[in-house]
Amino acid sequence: MTSADYRIESSSPIASCLLPVSGAQQYFVSDRALAVTVAAKSTTRPGGQEIRVVHVPTGEIVFRKQSRKRAEGPDEA
């Protein structure tokens, strides 16, 4: 396996405290379990978009989830 066997991707920027830098639309990792864990704990900005983990060599989607939409509070517009 190479160092970029799995790609965490979304059509919107991805945010997570588990990522070194939030805001990109894709991240590459070498371990499937790590990729799925990070994707499962991540959200998108804006919320409600899909996050996927793709096995790069085959193009197979190994995990997908819909990011939760955040409820707007009184100070959010």
C-alpha atoms as a PDB file:
ATOM      1  CA  MET A   1       0.000   0.000   0.000  1.00  0.00           C
ATOM      2  CA  THR A   2       1.050   3.569  -0.608  1.00  0.00           C
ATOM      3  CA  SER A   3       0.769   6.496   1.761  1.00  0.00           C
ATOM      4  CA  ALA A   4      -2.428   7.681   0.035  1.00  0.00           C
ATOM      5  CA  ASP A   5      -4.591   4.570  -0.196  1.00  0.00           C
ATOM      6  CA  TYR A   6      -7.720   6.280   1.158  1.00  0.00           C
ATOM      7  CA  ARG A   7      -9.230   9.676   0.407  1.00  0.00           C
ATOM      8  CA  ILE A   8     -11.735  11.422   2.676  1.00  0.00           C
ATOM      9  CA  GLU A   9     -13.743  13.701   0.398  1.00  0.00           C
ATOM     10  CA  SER A  10     -16.766  15.971   0.183  1.00  0.00           C
ATOM     11  CA  SER A  11     -18.127  18.558  -2.222  1.00  0.00           C
ATOM     12  CA  SER A  12     -17.999  21.048   0.697  1.00  0.00           C
ATOM     13  CA  PRO A  13     -15.151  21.895   3.073  1.00  0.00           C
ATOM     14  CA  ILE A  14     -14.619  19.265   5.780  1.00  0.00           C
ATOM     15  CA  ALA A  15     -14.210  20.268   9.422  1.00  0.00           C
ATOM     16  CA  SER A  16     -12.903  18.071  12.234  1.00  0.00           C
ATOM     17  CA  CYS A  17     -10.755  18.425  15.330  1.00  0.00           C
ATOM     18  CA  LEU A  18      -9.027  15.200  14.165  1.00  0.00           C
ATOM     19  CA  LEU A  19      -7.613  16.830  11.020  1.00  0.00           C
ATOM     20  CA  PRO A  20      -4.399  18.877  11.032  1.00  0.00           C
ATOM     21  CA  VAL A  21      -6.088  21.643   9.009  1.00  0.00           C
ATOM     22  CA  SER A  22      -9.845  21.910   8.540  1.00  0.00           C
ATOM     23  CA  GLY A  23     -11.443  23.394   5.452  1.00  0.00           C
ATOM     24  CA  ALA A  24     -10.137  21.284   2.563  1.00  0.00           C
ATOM     25  CA  GLN A  25     -12.471  19.154   0.447  1.00  0.00           C
ATOM     26  CA  GLN A  26     -10.244  16.085   0.521  1.00  0.00           C
ATOM     27  CA  TYR A  27      -7.630  14.475   2.743  1.00  0.00           C
ATOM     28  CA  PHE A  28      -5.426  11.454   2.026  1.00  0.00           C
ATOM     29  CA  VAL A  29      -4.567   8.807   4.627  1.00  0.00           C
ATOM     30  CA  SER A  30      -2.904   5.405   4.514  1.00  0.00           C
ATOM     31  CA  ASP A  31      -5.105   3.473   6.945  1.00  0.00           C
ATOM     32  CA  ARG A  32      -8.726   2.471   6.243  1.00  0.00           C
ATOM     33  CA  ALA A  33      -9.794   2.428   9.898  1.00  0.00           C
ATOM     34  CA  LEU A  34      -8.308   5.880  10.455  1.00  0.00           C
ATOM     35  CA  ALA A  35      -9.995   7.262   7.330  1.00  0.00           C
ATOM     36  CA  VAL A  36     -13.406   5.925   8.351  1.00  0.00           C
ATOM     37  CA  THR A  37     -13.010   7.146  11.937  1.00  0.00           C
ATOM     38  CA  VAL A  38     -12.039  10.656  10.856  1.00  0.00           C
ATOM     39  CA  ALA A  39     -14.856  10.794   8.291  1.00  0.00           C
ATOM     40  CA  ALA A  40     -17.403   9.565  10.847  1.00  0.00           C
ATOM     41  CA  LYS A  41     -16.378  12.282  13.312  1.00  0.00           C
ATOM     42  CA  SER A  42     -16.252  15.067  10.701  1.00  0.00           C
ATOM     43  CA  THR A  43     -18.807  17.585   9.485  1.00  0.00           C
ATOM     44  CA  THR A  44     -19.068  19.815   6.442  1.00  0.00           C
ATOM     45  CA  ARG A  45     -19.375  23.571   6.163  1.00  0.00           C
ATOM     46  CA  PRO A  46     -22.216  24.170   5.485  1.00  0.00           C
ATOM     47  CA  GLY A  47     -23.688  21.107   7.147  1.00  0.00           C
ATOM     48  CA  GLY A  48     -25.821  18.514   5.420  1.00  0.00           C
ATOM     49  CA  GLN A  49     -23.353  17.448   2.731  1.00  0.00           C
ATOM     50  CA  GLU A  50     -22.059  13.928   2.184  1.00  0.00           C
ATOM     51  CA  ILE A  51     -18.616  12.819   3.376  1.00  0.00           C
ATOM     52  CA  ARG A  52     -17.090   9.759   1.684  1.00  0.00           C
ATOM     53  CA  VAL A  53     -14.033   7.548   2.129  1.00  0.00           C
ATOM     54  CA  VAL A  54     -12.731   6.271  -1.204  1.00  0.00           C
ATOM     55  CA  HIS A  55     -10.185   3.499  -1.725  1.00  0.00           C
ATOM     56  CA  VAL A  56      -7.925   5.354  -4.173  1.00  0.00           C
ATOM     57  CA  PRO A  57      -6.516   2.385  -6.165  1.00  0.00           C
ATOM     58  CA  THR A  58      -9.967   0.973  -6.979  1.00  0.00           C
ATOM     59  CA  GLY A  59     -12.266   4.002  -6.659  1.00  0.00           C
ATOM     60  CA  GLU A  60     -14.555   2.004  -4.340  1.00  0.00           C
ATOM     61  CA  ILE A  61     -16.492   4.046  -1.784  1.00  0.00           C
ATOM     62  CA  VAL A  62     -15.871   2.214   1.496  1.00  0.00           C
ATOM     63  CA  PHE A  63     -17.789   4.618   3.767  1.00  0.00           C
ATOM     64  CA  ARG A  64     -20.269   7.456   3.331  1.00  0.00           C
ATOM     65  CA  LYS A  65     -22.345   9.576   5.650  1.00  0.00           C
ATOM     66  CA  GLN A  66     -24.516  12.643   5.496  1.00  0.00           C
ATOM     67  CA  SER A  67     -23.116  15.442   7.625  1.00  0.00           C
ATOM     68  CA  ARG A  68     -25.598  16.766  10.167  1.00  0.00           C
ATOM     69  CA  LYS A  69     -27.054  20.208   9.650  1.00  0.00           C
ATOM     70  CA  ARG A  70     -26.461  22.480  12.578  1.00  0.00           C
ATOM     71  CA  ALA A  71     -29.472  24.189  14.107  1.00  0.00           C
ATOM     72  CA  GLU A  72     -29.131  27.944  13.914  1.00  0.00           C
ATOM     73  CA  GLY A  73     -29.047  29.660  17.259  1.00  0.00           C
ATOM     74  CA  PRO A  74     -30.125  33.228  18.018  1.00  0.00           C
ATOM     75  CA  ASP A  75     -26.650  34.601  17.207  1.00  0.00           C
ATOM     76  CA  GLU A  76     -26.253  32.644  13.953  1.00  0.00           C
ATOM     77  CA  ALA A  77     -27.760  33.686  10.647  1.00  0.00           C
END
